């Protein structure tokens, strides 16, 4: 049994270029799209975090108002002043909660719009 040895040809620049065009170029283009979509997702997460921080800021302000009312720092501590303070804090928190819900519902629409813009 005789084995014939074929001469091994080294890779030439032509074969390397065709490999690049065949594999790396489409892969690179697909990765670019995925990175853009991930960027859109991260922007949306950033918006969600910003809205939550605004809500927490409103909660902190309301807690501060409540503390001032309970300690009587805003004036004479009476039942009427406490009731007024509670109503003011309740309306502030109701407004902040409705704003939070509205912003959350708008985020999904903005996210979909951003994705379609990138696609």
PDB file of N, CA and C in Angstrom:
ATOM      1  N   UNK A   1       0.847  -1.151   0.000  1.00  0.00           N
ATOM      2  CA  UNK A   1       0.000   0.000   0.000  1.00  0.00           C
ATOM      3  C   UNK A   1       0.894   1.214   0.000  1.00  0.00           C
ATOM      4  N   UNK A   2       0.711   1.971  -1.005  1.00  0.00           N
ATOM      5  CA  UNK A   2       1.519   3.181  -1.111  1.00  0.00           C
ATOM      6  C   UNK A   2       0.648   4.385  -0.846  1.00  0.00           C
ATOM      7  N   UNK A   3       1.203   5.283  -0.164  1.00  0.00           N
ATOM      8  CA  UNK A   3       0.469   6.516   0.098  1.00  0.00           C
ATOM      9  C   UNK A   3       1.156   7.629  -0.645  1.00  0.00           C
ATOM     10  N   UNK A   4       0.361   8.340  -1.342  1.00  0.00           N
ATOM     11  CA  UNK A   4       0.936   9.469  -2.057  1.00  0.00           C
ATOM     12  C   UNK A   4       0.767  10.704  -1.191  1.00  0.00           C
ATOM     13  N   UNK A   5       1.803  11.424  -1.129  1.00  0.00           N
ATOM     14  CA  UNK A   5       1.754  12.639  -0.329  1.00  0.00           C
ATOM     15  C   UNK A   5       1.387  13.795  -1.230  1.00  0.00           C
ATOM     16  N   UNK A   6       0.338  14.459  -0.816  1.00  0.00           N
ATOM     17  CA  UNK A   6      -0.029  15.668  -1.546  1.00  0.00           C
ATOM     18  C   UNK A   6       0.745  16.810  -0.934  1.00  0.00           C
ATOM     19  N   UNK A   7       1.217  17.674  -1.745  1.00  0.00           N
ATOM     20  CA  UNK A   7       1.896  18.819  -1.164  1.00  0.00           C
ATOM     21  C   UNK A   7       0.866  19.709  -0.473  1.00  0.00           C
ATOM     22  N   UNK A   8       1.167  20.067   0.757  1.00  0.00           N
ATOM     23  CA  UNK A   8       0.256  20.940   1.498  1.00  0.00           C
ATOM     24  C   UNK A   8       0.483  22.363   1.048  1.00  0.00           C
ATOM     25  N   UNK A   9      -0.621  22.990   0.681  1.00  0.00           N
ATOM     26  CA  UNK A   9      -0.510  24.381   0.247  1.00  0.00           C
ATOM     27  C   UNK A   9      -0.863  25.282   1.410  1.00  0.00           C
ATOM     28  N   UNK A  10      -0.016  26.225   1.675  1.00  0.00           N
ATOM     29  CA  UNK A  10      -0.335  27.139   2.775  1.00  0.00           C
ATOM     30  C   UNK A  10      -1.502  28.037   2.396  1.00  0.00           C
ATOM     31  N   UNK A  11      -2.158  28.543   3.410  1.00  0.00           N
ATOM     32  CA  UNK A  11      -3.255  29.468   3.167  1.00  0.00           C
ATOM     33  C   UNK A  11      -2.707  30.723   2.523  1.00  0.00           C
ATOM     34  N   UNK A  12      -3.346  31.123   1.504  1.00  0.00           N
ATOM     35  CA  UNK A  12      -2.923  32.351   0.838  1.00  0.00           C
ATOM     36  C   UNK A  12      -3.828  33.480   1.267  1.00  0.00           C
ATOM     37  N   UNK A  13      -3.458  34.668   0.918  1.00  0.00           N
ATOM     38  CA  UNK A  13      -4.271  35.815   1.304  1.00  0.00           C
ATOM     39  C   UNK A  13      -5.645  35.766   0.667  1.00  0.00           C
ATOM     40  N   UNK A  14      -5.744  35.148  -0.513  1.00  0.00           N
ATOM     41  CA  UNK A  14      -7.049  35.039  -1.169  1.00  0.00           C
ATOM     42  C   UNK A  14      -8.009  34.193  -0.335  1.00  0.00           C
ATOM     43  N   UNK A  15      -7.510  33.078   0.189  1.00  0.00           N
ATOM     44  CA  UNK A  15      -8.396  32.217   0.972  1.00  0.00           C
ATOM     45  C   UNK A  15      -8.771  32.880   2.295  1.00  0.00           C
ATOM     46  N   UNK A  16      -7.874  33.657   2.879  1.00  0.00           N
ATOM     47  CA  UNK A  16      -8.182  34.355   4.115  1.00  0.00           C
ATOM     48  C   UNK A  16      -9.234  35.429   3.879  1.00  0.00           C
ATOM     49  N   UNK A  17      -9.127  36.145   2.779  1.00  0.00           N
ATOM     50  CA  UNK A  17     -10.115  37.173   2.473  1.00  0.00           C
ATOM     51  C   UNK A  17     -11.489  36.564   2.244  1.00  0.00           C
ATOM     52  N   UNK A  18     -11.539  35.447   1.542  1.00  0.00           N
ATOM     53  CA  UNK A  18     -12.845  34.838   1.288  1.00  0.00           C
ATOM     54  C   UNK A  18     -13.449  34.306   2.590  1.00  0.00           C
ATOM     55  N   UNK A  19     -12.593  33.809   3.498  1.00  0.00           N
ATOM     56  CA  UNK A  19     -13.092  33.361   4.795  1.00  0.00           C
ATOM     57  C   UNK A  19     -13.681  34.532   5.568  1.00  0.00           C
ATOM     58  N   UNK A  20     -12.997  35.646   5.519  1.00  0.00           N
ATOM     59  CA  UNK A  20     -13.503  36.836   6.201  1.00  0.00           C
ATOM     60  C   UNK A  20     -14.846  37.246   5.621  1.00  0.00           C
ATOM     61  N   UNK A  21     -14.938  37.306   4.317  1.00  0.00           N
ATOM     62  CA  UNK A  21     -16.190  37.720   3.689  1.00  0.00           C
ATOM     63  C   UNK A  21     -17.298  36.717   3.960  1.00  0.00           C
ATOM     64  N   UNK A  22     -16.955  35.460   4.009  1.00  0.00           N
ATOM     65  CA  UNK A  22     -17.971  34.439   4.190  1.00  0.00           C
ATOM     66  C   UNK A  22     -18.484  34.370   5.610  1.00  0.00           C
ATOM     67  N   UNK A  23     -17.626  34.568   6.597  1.00  0.00           N
ATOM     68  CA  UNK A  23     -18.011  34.357   7.973  1.00  0.00           C
ATOM     69  C   UNK A  23     -18.061  35.637   8.803  1.00  0.00           C
ATOM     70  N   UNK A  24     -16.988  36.375   8.838  1.00  0.00           N
ATOM     71  CA  UNK A  24     -16.882  37.487   9.776  1.00  0.00           C
ATOM     72  C   UNK A  24     -17.741  38.682   9.411  1.00  0.00           C
ATOM     73  N   UNK A  25     -17.862  38.982   8.163  1.00  0.00           N
ATOM     74  CA  UNK A  25     -18.621  40.175   7.784  1.00  0.00           C
ATOM     75  C   UNK A  25     -20.101  40.052   8.156  1.00  0.00           C
ATOM     76  N   UNK A  26     -20.796  38.983   7.788  1.00  0.00           N
ATOM     77  CA  UNK A  26     -22.204  38.875   8.223  1.00  0.00           C
ATOM     78  C   UNK A  26     -22.339  38.776   9.742  1.00  0.00           C
ATOM     79  N   UNK A  27     -21.378  38.100  10.368  1.00  0.00           N
ATOM     80  CA  UNK A  27     -21.412  37.982  11.825  1.00  0.00           C
ATOM     81  C   UNK A  27     -21.257  39.355  12.464  1.00  0.00           C
ATOM     82  N   UNK A  28     -20.349  40.153  11.941  1.00  0.00           N
ATOM     83  CA  UNK A  28     -20.149  41.498  12.463  1.00  0.00           C
ATOM     84  C   UNK A  28     -21.366  42.371  12.279  1.00  0.00           C
ATOM     85  N   UNK A  29     -22.033  42.232  11.154  1.00  0.00           N
ATOM     86  CA  UNK A  29     -23.246  43.015  10.917  1.00  0.00           C
ATOM     87  C   UNK A  29     -24.364  42.596  11.876  1.00  0.00           C
ATOM     88  N   UNK A  30     -24.479  41.315  12.143  1.00  0.00           N
ATOM     89  CA  UNK A  30     -25.505  40.834  13.073  1.00  0.00           C
ATOM     90  C   UNK A  30     -25.206  41.298  14.497  1.00  0.00           C
ATOM     91  N   UNK A  31     -23.950  41.288  14.870  1.00  0.00           N
ATOM     92  CA  UNK A  31     -23.572  41.730  16.209  1.00  0.00           C
ATOM     93  C   UNK A  31     -23.876  43.219  16.360  1.00  0.00           C
ATOM     94  N   UNK A  32     -23.648  43.995  15.330  1.00  0.00           N
ATOM     95  CA  UNK A  32     -23.947  45.428  15.389  1.00  0.00           C
ATOM     96  C   UNK A  32     -25.412  45.685  15.685  1.00  0.00           C
ATOM     97  N   UNK A  33     -26.285  44.926  15.056  1.00  0.00           N
ATOM     98  CA  UNK A  33     -27.724  45.078  15.314  1.00  0.00           C
ATOM     99  C   UNK A  33     -28.076  44.669  16.739  1.00  0.00           C
ATOM    100  N   UNK A  34     -27.467  43.584  17.201  1.00  0.00           N
ATOM    101  CA  UNK A  34     -27.741  43.129  18.566  1.00  0.00           C
ATOM    102  C   UNK A  34     -27.259  44.153  19.586  1.00  0.00           C
ATOM    103  N   UNK A  35     -26.125  44.762  19.318  1.00  0.00           N
ATOM    104  CA  UNK A  35     -25.598  45.775  20.231  1.00  0.00           C
ATOM    105  C   UNK A  35     -26.518  46.992  20.256  1.00  0.00           C
ATOM    106  N   UNK A  36     -27.039  47.381  19.099  1.00  0.00           N
ATOM    107  CA  UNK A  36     -27.962  48.519  19.053  1.00  0.00           C
ATOM    108  C   UNK A  36     -29.232  48.217  19.854  1.00  0.00           C
ATOM    109  N   UNK A  37     -29.762  47.023  19.697  1.00  0.00           N
ATOM    110  CA  UNK A  37     -30.975  46.652  20.421  1.00  0.00           C
ATOM    111  C   UNK A  37     -30.698  46.587  21.924  1.00  0.00           C
ATOM    112  N   UNK A  38     -29.515  46.078  22.307  1.00  0.00           N
ATOM    113  CA  UNK A  38     -29.170  46.055  23.718  1.00  0.00           C
ATOM    114  C   UNK A  38     -29.015  47.480  24.251  1.00  0.00           C
ATOM    115  N   UNK A  39     -28.489  48.386  23.431  1.00  0.00           N
ATOM    116  CA  UNK A  39     -28.395  49.787  23.826  1.00  0.00           C
ATOM    117  C   UNK A  39     -29.769  50.391  24.077  1.00  0.00           C
ATOM    118  N   UNK A  40     -30.734  50.062  23.220  1.00  0.00           N
ATOM    119  CA  UNK A  40     -32.106  50.537  23.405  1.00  0.00           C
ATOM    120  C   UNK A  40     -32.674  49.991  24.714  1.00  0.00           C
ATOM    121  N   UNK A  41     -32.427  48.710  24.983  1.00  0.00           N
ATOM    122  CA  UNK A  41     -32.912  48.101  26.217  1.00  0.00           C
ATOM    123  C   UNK A  41     -32.293  48.784  27.430  1.00  0.00           C
ATOM    124  N   UNK A  42     -30.990  49.068  27.376  1.00  0.00           N
ATOM    125  CA  UNK A  42     -30.332  49.738  28.500  1.00  0.00           C
ATOM    126  C   UNK A  42     -30.849  51.163  28.689  1.00  0.00           C
ATOM    127  N   UNK A  43     -31.143  51.870  27.599  1.00  0.00           N
ATOM    128  CA  UNK A  43     -31.735  53.208  27.713  1.00  0.00           C
ATOM    129  C   UNK A  43     -33.089  53.137  28.409  1.00  0.00           C
ATOM    130  N   UNK A  44     -33.872  52.131  28.064  1.00  0.00           N
ATOM    131  CA  UNK A  44     -35.181  51.960  28.691  1.00  0.00           C
ATOM    132  C   UNK A  44     -35.034  51.635  30.179  1.00  0.00           C
ATOM    133  N   UNK A  45     -34.073  50.785  30.507  1.00  0.00           N
ATOM    134  CA  UNK A  45     -33.811  50.492  31.934  1.00  0.00           C
ATOM    135  C   UNK A  45     -33.379  51.750  32.675  1.00  0.00           C
ATOM    136  N   UNK A  46     -32.588  52.586  32.016  1.00  0.00           N
ATOM    137  CA  UNK A  46     -32.168  53.853  32.615  1.00  0.00           C
ATOM    138  C   UNK A  46     -33.378  54.752  32.873  1.00  0.00           C
ATOM    139  N   UNK A  47     -34.298  54.799  31.925  1.00  0.00           N
ATOM    140  CA  UNK A  47     -35.517  55.597  32.102  1.00  0.00           C
ATOM    141  C   UNK A  47     -36.347  55.080  33.270  1.00  0.00           C
ATOM    142  N   UNK A  48     -36.465  53.755  33.383  1.00  0.00           N
ATOM    143  CA  UNK A  48     -37.224  53.158  34.487  1.00  0.00           C
ATOM    144  C   UNK A  48     -36.588  53.538  35.822  1.00  0.00           C
ATOM    145  N   UNK A  49     -35.263  53.431  35.906  1.00  0.00           N
ATOM    146  CA  UNK A  49     -34.578  53.775  37.156  1.00  0.00           C
ATOM    147  C   UNK A  49     -34.760  55.257  37.492  1.00  0.00           C
ATOM    148  N   UNK A  50     -34.706  56.113  36.480  1.00  0.00           N
ATOM    149  CA  UNK A  50     -34.888  57.547  36.714  1.00  0.00           C
ATOM    150  C   UNK A  50     -36.291  57.837  37.241  1.00  0.00           C
ATOM    151  N   UNK A  51     -37.312  57.199  36.651  1.00  0.00           N
ATOM    152  CA  UNK A  51     -38.687  57.402  37.112  1.00  0.00           C
ATOM    153  C   UNK A  51     -38.871  56.892  38.538  1.00  0.00           C
ATOM    154  N   UNK A  52     -38.253  55.763  38.858  1.00  0.00           N
ATOM    155  CA  UNK A  52     -38.355  55.233  40.222  1.00  0.00           C
ATOM    156  C   UNK A  52     -37.683  56.173  41.218  1.00  0.00           C
ATOM    157  N   UNK A  53     -36.546  56.749  40.829  1.00  0.00           N
ATOM    158  CA  UNK A  53     -35.876  57.693  41.728  1.00  0.00           C
ATOM    159  C   UNK A  53     -36.715  58.947  41.951  1.00  0.00           C
ATOM    160  N   UNK A  54     -37.420  59.393  40.914  1.00  0.00           N
ATOM    161  CA  UNK A  54     -38.329  60.533  41.089  1.00  0.00           C
ATOM    162  C   UNK A  54     -39.437  60.182  42.084  1.00  0.00           C
ATOM    163  N   UNK A  55     -39.955  58.962  41.986  1.00  0.00           N
ATOM    164  CA  UNK A  55     -41.008  58.530  42.904  1.00  0.00           C
ATOM    165  C   UNK A  55     -40.473  58.435  44.333  1.00  0.00           C
ATOM    166  N   UNK A  56     -39.280  57.888  44.499  1.00  0.00           N
ATOM    167  CA  UNK A  56     -38.673  57.800  45.833  1.00  0.00           C
ATOM    168  C   UNK A  56     -38.407  59.178  46.411  1.00  0.00           C
ATOM    169  N   UNK A  57     -38.051  60.115  45.551  1.00  0.00           N
ATOM    170  CA  UNK A  57     -37.833  61.490  46.012  1.00  0.00           C
ATOM    171  C   UNK A  57     -39.136  62.082  46.548  1.00  0.00           C
ATOM    172  N   UNK A  58     -40.229  61.827  45.849  1.00  0.00           N
ATOM    173  CA  UNK A  58     -41.538  62.298  46.308  1.00  0.00           C
ATOM    174  C   UNK A  58     -41.913  61.631  47.633  1.00  0.00           C
ATOM    175  N   UNK A  59     -41.612  60.333  47.753  1.00  0.00           N
ATOM    176  CA  UNK A  59     -41.899  59.632  49.006  1.00  0.00           C
ATOM    177  C   UNK A  59     -41.087  60.228  50.155  1.00  0.00           C
ATOM    178  N   UNK A  60     -39.819  60.534  49.916  1.00  0.00           N
ATOM    179  CA  UNK A  60     -38.978  61.103  50.970  1.00  0.00           C
ATOM    180  C   UNK A  60     -39.491  62.474  51.395  1.00  0.00           C
ATOM    181  N   UNK A  61     -39.909  63.276  50.415  1.00  0.00           N
ATOM    182  CA  UNK A  61     -40.458  64.599  50.728  1.00  0.00           C
ATOM    183  C   UNK A  61     -41.734  64.464  51.558  1.00  0.00           C
ATOM    184  N   UNK A  62     -42.585  63.516  51.192  1.00  0.00           N
ATOM    185  CA  UNK A  62     -43.830  63.294  51.935  1.00  0.00           C
ATOM    186  C   UNK A  62     -43.548  62.819  53.355  1.00  0.00           C
ATOM    187  N   UNK A  63     -42.588  61.939  53.507  1.00  0.00           N
ATOM    188  CA  UNK A  63     -42.230  61.478  54.860  1.00  0.00           C
ATOM    189  C   UNK A  63     -41.677  62.624  55.692  1.00  0.00           C
ATOM    190  N   UNK A  64     -40.916  63.502  55.065  1.00  0.00           N
ATOM    191  CA  UNK A  64     -40.391  64.677  55.769  1.00  0.00           C
ATOM    192  C   UNK A  64     -41.529  65.596  56.216  1.00  0.00           C
ATOM    193  N   UNK A  65     -42.507  65.821  55.316  1.00  0.00           N
ATOM    194  CA  UNK A  65     -43.664  66.641  55.679  1.00  0.00           C
ATOM    195  C   UNK A  65     -44.435  66.024  56.835  1.00  0.00           C
ATOM    196  N   UNK A  66     -44.620  64.706  56.768  1.00  0.00           N
ATOM    197  CA  UNK A  66     -45.348  64.004  57.825  1.00  0.00           C
ATOM    198  C   UNK A  66     -44.624  64.130  59.166  1.00  0.00           C
ATOM    199  N   UNK A  67     -43.327  63.993  59.155  1.00  0.00           N
ATOM    200  CA  UNK A  67     -42.545  64.129  60.387  1.00  0.00           C
ATOM    201  C   UNK A  67     -42.682  65.538  60.955  1.00  0.00           C
ATOM    202  N   UNK A  68     -42.580  66.532  60.073  1.00  0.00           N
ATOM    203  CA  UNK A  68     -42.739  67.919  60.533  1.00  0.00           C
ATOM    204  C   UNK A  68     -44.119  68.164  61.120  1.00  0.00           C
ATOM    205  N   UNK A  69     -45.140  67.594  60.498  1.00  0.00           N
ATOM    206  CA  UNK A  69     -46.500  67.755  61.023  1.00  0.00           C
ATOM    207  C   UNK A  69     -46.657  67.086  62.383  1.00  0.00           C
ATOM    208  N   UNK A  70     -46.130  65.874  62.510  1.00  0.00           N
ATOM    209  CA  UNK A  70     -46.290  65.134  63.764  1.00  0.00           C
ATOM    210  C   UNK A  70     -45.505  65.764  64.915  1.00  0.00           C
ATOM    211  N   UNK A  71     -44.422  66.445  64.590  1.00  0.00           N
ATOM    212  CA  UNK A  71     -43.636  67.102  65.631  1.00  0.00           C
ATOM    213  C   UNK A  71     -44.113  68.525  65.896  1.00  0.00           C
ATOM    214  N   UNK A  72     -45.030  68.996  65.072  1.00  0.00           N
ATOM    215  CA  UNK A  72     -45.560  70.342  65.248  1.00  0.00           C
ATOM    216  C   UNK A  72     -44.581  71.424  64.833  1.00  0.00           C
ATOM    217  N   UNK A  73     -43.693  71.102  63.887  1.00  0.00           N
ATOM    218  CA  UNK A  73     -42.701  72.079  63.442  1.00  0.00           C
ATOM    219  C   UNK A  73     -43.290  73.137  62.520  1.00  0.00           C
ATOM    220  N   UNK A  74     -44.460  72.868  61.955  1.00  0.00           N
ATOM    221  CA  UNK A  74     -45.085  73.826  61.045  1.00  0.00           C
ATOM    222  C   UNK A  74     -46.026  74.787  61.754  1.00  0.00           C
ATOM    223  N   UNK A  75     -46.117  74.682  63.016  1.00  0.00           N
ATOM    224  CA  UNK A  75     -47.037  75.531  63.780  1.00  0.00           C
ATOM    225  C   UNK A  75     -47.651  74.737  64.910  1.00  0.00           C
ATOM    226  N   UNK A  76     -48.780  75.209  65.375  1.00  0.00           N
ATOM    227  CA  UNK A  76     -49.489  74.558  66.482  1.00  0.00           C
ATOM    228  C   UNK A  76     -49.944  73.170  66.061  1.00  0.00           C
ATOM    229  N   UNK A  77     -49.742  72.172  66.900  1.00  0.00           N
ATOM    230  CA  UNK A  77     -50.140  70.797  66.623  1.00  0.00           C
ATOM    231  C   UNK A  77     -51.575  70.586  67.090  1.00  0.00           C
ATOM    232  N   UNK A  78     -52.503  70.539  66.136  1.00  0.00           N
ATOM    233  CA  UNK A  78     -53.916  70.307  66.431  1.00  0.00           C
ATOM    234  C   UNK A  78     -54.434  69.204  65.531  1.00  0.00           C
ATOM    235  N   UNK A  79     -55.635  68.745  65.830  1.00  0.00           N
ATOM    236  CA  UNK A  79     -56.250  67.720  64.988  1.00  0.00           C
ATOM    237  C   UNK A  79     -56.506  68.247  63.578  1.00  0.00           C
ATOM    238  N   UNK A  80     -56.907  69.496  63.471  1.00  0.00           N
ATOM    239  CA  UNK A  80     -57.185  70.078  62.153  1.00  0.00           C
ATOM    240  C   UNK A  80     -55.897  70.192  61.332  1.00  0.00           C
ATOM    241  N   UNK A  81     -54.796  70.589  61.979  1.00  0.00           N
ATOM    242  CA  UNK A  81     -53.536  70.709  61.235  1.00  0.00           C
ATOM    243  C   UNK A  81     -53.020  69.340  60.808  1.00  0.00           C
ATOM    244  N   UNK A  82     -53.221  68.327  61.672  1.00  0.00           N
ATOM    245  CA  UNK A  82     -52.819  66.967  61.312  1.00  0.00           C
ATOM    246  C   UNK A  82     -53.656  66.446  60.148  1.00  0.00           C
ATOM    247  N   UNK A  83     -54.961  66.700  60.185  1.00  0.00           N
ATOM    248  CA  UNK A  83     -55.835  66.253  59.093  1.00  0.00           C
ATOM    249  C   UNK A  83     -55.463  66.941  57.798  1.00  0.00           C
ATOM    250  N   UNK A  84     -55.197  68.230  57.871  1.00  0.00           N
ATOM    251  CA  UNK A  84     -54.787  68.983  56.683  1.00  0.00           C
ATOM    252  C   UNK A  84     -53.473  68.433  56.124  1.00  0.00           C
ATOM    253  N   UNK A  85     -52.546  68.143  57.019  1.00  0.00           N
ATOM    254  CA  UNK A  85     -51.246  67.602  56.606  1.00  0.00           C
ATOM    255  C   UNK A  85     -51.419  66.231  55.937  1.00  0.00           C
ATOM    256  N   UNK A  86     -52.233  65.364  56.541  1.00  0.00           N
ATOM    257  CA  UNK A  86     -52.480  64.044  55.967  1.00  0.00           C
ATOM    258  C   UNK A  86     -53.114  64.148  54.582  1.00  0.00           C
ATOM    259  N   UNK A  87     -54.076  65.050  54.422  1.00  0.00           N
ATOM    260  CA  UNK A  87     -54.720  65.219  53.116  1.00  0.00           C
ATOM    261  C   UNK A  87     -53.726  65.721  52.081  1.00  0.00           C
ATOM    262  N   UNK A  88     -52.863  66.643  52.464  1.00  0.00           N
ATOM    263  CA  UNK A  88     -51.854  67.171  51.533  1.00  0.00           C
ATOM    264  C   UNK A  88     -50.875  66.067  51.121  1.00  0.00           C
ATOM    265  N   UNK A  89     -50.419  65.302  52.098  1.00  0.00           N
ATOM    266  CA  UNK A  89     -49.477  64.213  51.803  1.00  0.00           C
ATOM    267  C   UNK A  89     -50.161  63.134  50.967  1.00  0.00           C
ATOM    268  N   UNK A  90     -51.411  62.822  51.297  1.00  0.00           N
ATOM    269  CA  UNK A  90     -52.163  61.833  50.522  1.00  0.00           C
ATOM    270  C   UNK A  90     -52.350  62.245  49.081  1.00  0.00           C
ATOM    271  N   UNK A  91     -52.654  63.516  48.850  1.00  0.00           N
ATOM    272  CA  UNK A  91     -52.836  63.973  47.465  1.00  0.00           C
ATOM    273  C   UNK A  91     -51.504  63.991  46.716  1.00  0.00           C
ATOM    274  N   UNK A  92     -50.411  64.365  47.416  1.00  0.00           N
ATOM    275  CA  UNK A  92     -49.089  64.331  46.772  1.00  0.00           C
ATOM    276  C   UNK A  92     -48.713  62.907  46.356  1.00  0.00           C
ATOM    277  N   UNK A  93     -48.947  61.950  47.243  1.00  0.00           N
ATOM    278  CA  UNK A  93     -48.606  60.559  46.940  1.00  0.00           C
ATOM    279  C   UNK A  93     -49.528  59.967  45.876  1.00  0.00           C
ATOM    280  N   UNK A  94     -50.799  60.340  45.893  1.00  0.00           N
ATOM    281  CA  UNK A  94     -51.719  59.862  44.853  1.00  0.00           C
ATOM    282  C   UNK A  94     -51.290  60.384  43.487  1.00  0.00           C
ATOM    283  N   UNK A  95     -50.898  61.655  43.437  1.00  0.00           N
ATOM    284  CA  UNK A  95     -50.429  62.239  42.176  1.00  0.00           C
ATOM    285  C   UNK A  95     -49.143  61.564  41.711  1.00  0.00           C
ATOM    286  N   UNK A  96     -48.220  61.319  42.653  1.00  0.00           N
ATOM    287  CA  UNK A  96     -46.956  60.663  42.296  1.00  0.00           C
ATOM    288  C   UNK A  96     -47.189  59.233  41.822  1.00  0.00           C
ATOM    289  N   UNK A  97     -48.125  58.534  42.455  1.00  0.00           N
ATOM    290  CA  UNK A  97     -48.423  57.158  42.062  1.00  0.00           C
ATOM    291  C   UNK A  97     -49.069  57.105  40.687  1.00  0.00           C
ATOM    292  N   UNK A  98     -49.992  58.014  40.404  1.00  0.00           N
ATOM    293  CA  UNK A  98     -50.613  58.027  39.072  1.00  0.00           C
ATOM    294  C   UNK A  98     -49.596  58.418  37.999  1.00  0.00           C
ATOM    295  N   UNK A  99     -48.690  59.343  38.326  1.00  0.00           N
ATOM    296  CA  UNK A  99     -47.636  59.714  37.380  1.00  0.00           C
ATOM    297  C   UNK A  99     -46.723  58.519  37.125  1.00  0.00           C
ATOM    298  N   UNK A 100     -46.414  57.778  38.192  1.00  0.00           N
ATOM    299  CA  UNK A 100     -45.557  56.594  38.056  1.00  0.00           C
ATOM    300  C   UNK A 100     -46.220  55.559  37.156  1.00  0.00           C
ATOM    301  N   UNK A 101     -47.505  55.303  37.366  1.00  0.00           N
ATOM    302  CA  UNK A 101     -48.228  54.327  36.543  1.00  0.00           C
ATOM    303  C   UNK A 101     -48.291  54.781  35.084  1.00  0.00           C
ATOM    304  N   UNK A 102     -48.514  56.073  34.866  1.00  0.00           N
ATOM    305  CA  UNK A 102     -48.565  56.599  33.499  1.00  0.00           C
ATOM    306  C   UNK A 102     -47.210  56.441  32.811  1.00  0.00           C
ATOM    307  N   UNK A 103     -46.126  56.744  33.534  1.00  0.00           N
ATOM    308  CA  UNK A 103     -44.789  56.640  32.949  1.00  0.00           C
ATOM    309  C   UNK A 103     -44.444  55.186  32.622  1.00  0.00           C
ATOM    310  N   UNK A 104     -44.846  54.264  33.487  1.00  0.00           N
ATOM    311  CA  UNK A 104     -44.586  52.848  33.226  1.00  0.00           C
ATOM    312  C   UNK A 104     -45.337  52.385  31.985  1.00  0.00           C
ATOM    313  N   UNK A 105     -46.574  52.818  31.826  1.00  0.00           N
ATOM    314  CA  UNK A 105     -47.339  52.411  30.646  1.00  0.00           C
ATOM    315  C   UNK A 105     -46.768  53.020  29.371  1.00  0.00           C
ATOM    316  N   UNK A 106     -46.185  54.213  29.454  1.00  0.00           N
ATOM    317  CA  UNK A 106     -45.582  54.839  28.281  1.00  0.00           C
ATOM    318  C   UNK A 106     -44.240  54.210  27.934  1.00  0.00           C
ATOM    319  N   UNK A 107     -43.543  53.648  28.914  1.00  0.00           N
ATOM    320  CA  UNK A 107     -42.227  53.073  28.653  1.00  0.00           C
ATOM    321  C   UNK A 107     -42.296  51.907  27.684  1.00  0.00           C
ATOM    322  N   UNK A 108     -43.311  51.070  27.791  1.00  0.00           N
ATOM    323  CA  UNK A 108     -43.397  49.934  26.871  1.00  0.00           C
ATOM    324  C   UNK A 108     -43.608  50.412  25.444  1.00  0.00           C
ATOM    325  N   UNK A 109     -44.418  51.448  25.262  1.00  0.00           N
ATOM    326  CA  UNK A 109     -44.628  51.990  23.920  1.00  0.00           C
ATOM    327  C   UNK A 109     -43.344  52.619  23.376  1.00  0.00           C
ATOM    328  N   UNK A 110     -42.620  53.353  24.232  1.00  0.00           N
ATOM    329  CA  UNK A 110     -41.357  53.960  23.805  1.00  0.00           C
ATOM    330  C   UNK A 110     -40.332  52.890  23.464  1.00  0.00           C
ATOM    331  N   UNK A 111     -40.304  51.804  24.254  1.00  0.00           N
ATOM    332  CA  UNK A 111     -39.359  50.720  24.003  1.00  0.00           C
ATOM    333  C   UNK A 111     -39.632  50.076  22.653  1.00  0.00           C
ATOM    334  N   UNK A 112     -40.891  49.804  22.374  1.00  0.00           N
ATOM    335  CA  UNK A 112     -41.254  49.193  21.091  1.00  0.00           C
ATOM    336  C   UNK A 112     -40.896  50.134  19.938  1.00  0.00           C
ATOM    337  N   UNK A 113     -41.171  51.417  20.114  1.00  0.00           N
ATOM    338  CA  UNK A 113     -40.852  52.393  19.070  1.00  0.00           C
ATOM    339  C   UNK A 113     -39.340  52.471  18.836  1.00  0.00           C
ATOM    340  N   UNK A 114     -38.560  52.450  19.903  1.00  0.00           N
ATOM    341  CA  UNK A 114     -37.089  52.492  19.761  1.00  0.00           C
ATOM    342  C   UNK A 114     -36.561  51.255  19.068  1.00  0.00           C
ATOM    343  N   UNK A 115     -37.123  50.100  19.412  1.00  0.00           N
ATOM    344  CA  UNK A 115     -36.686  48.845  18.759  1.00  0.00           C
ATOM    345  C   UNK A 115     -36.976  48.900  17.276  1.00  0.00           C
ATOM    346  N   UNK A 116     -38.177  49.338  16.904  1.00  0.00           N
ATOM    347  CA  UNK A 116     -38.529  49.411  15.494  1.00  0.00           C
ATOM    348  C   UNK A 116     -37.659  50.422  14.745  1.00  0.00           C
ATOM    349  N   UNK A 117     -37.300  51.502  15.420  1.00  0.00           N
ATOM    350  CA  UNK A 117     -36.415  52.477  14.793  1.00  0.00           C
ATOM    351  C   UNK A 117     -35.049  51.870  14.483  1.00  0.00           C
ATOM    352  N   UNK A 118     -34.553  51.023  15.381  1.00  0.00           N
ATOM    353  CA  UNK A 118     -33.247  50.391  15.175  1.00  0.00           C
ATOM    354  C   UNK A 118     -33.296  49.295  14.127  1.00  0.00           C
ATOM    355  N   UNK A 119     -34.432  48.601  14.086  1.00  0.00           N
ATOM    356  CA  UNK A 119     -34.557  47.521  13.103  1.00  0.00           C
ATOM    357  C   UNK A 119     -34.700  48.124  11.728  1.00  0.00           C
TER     358      UNK A 119
END
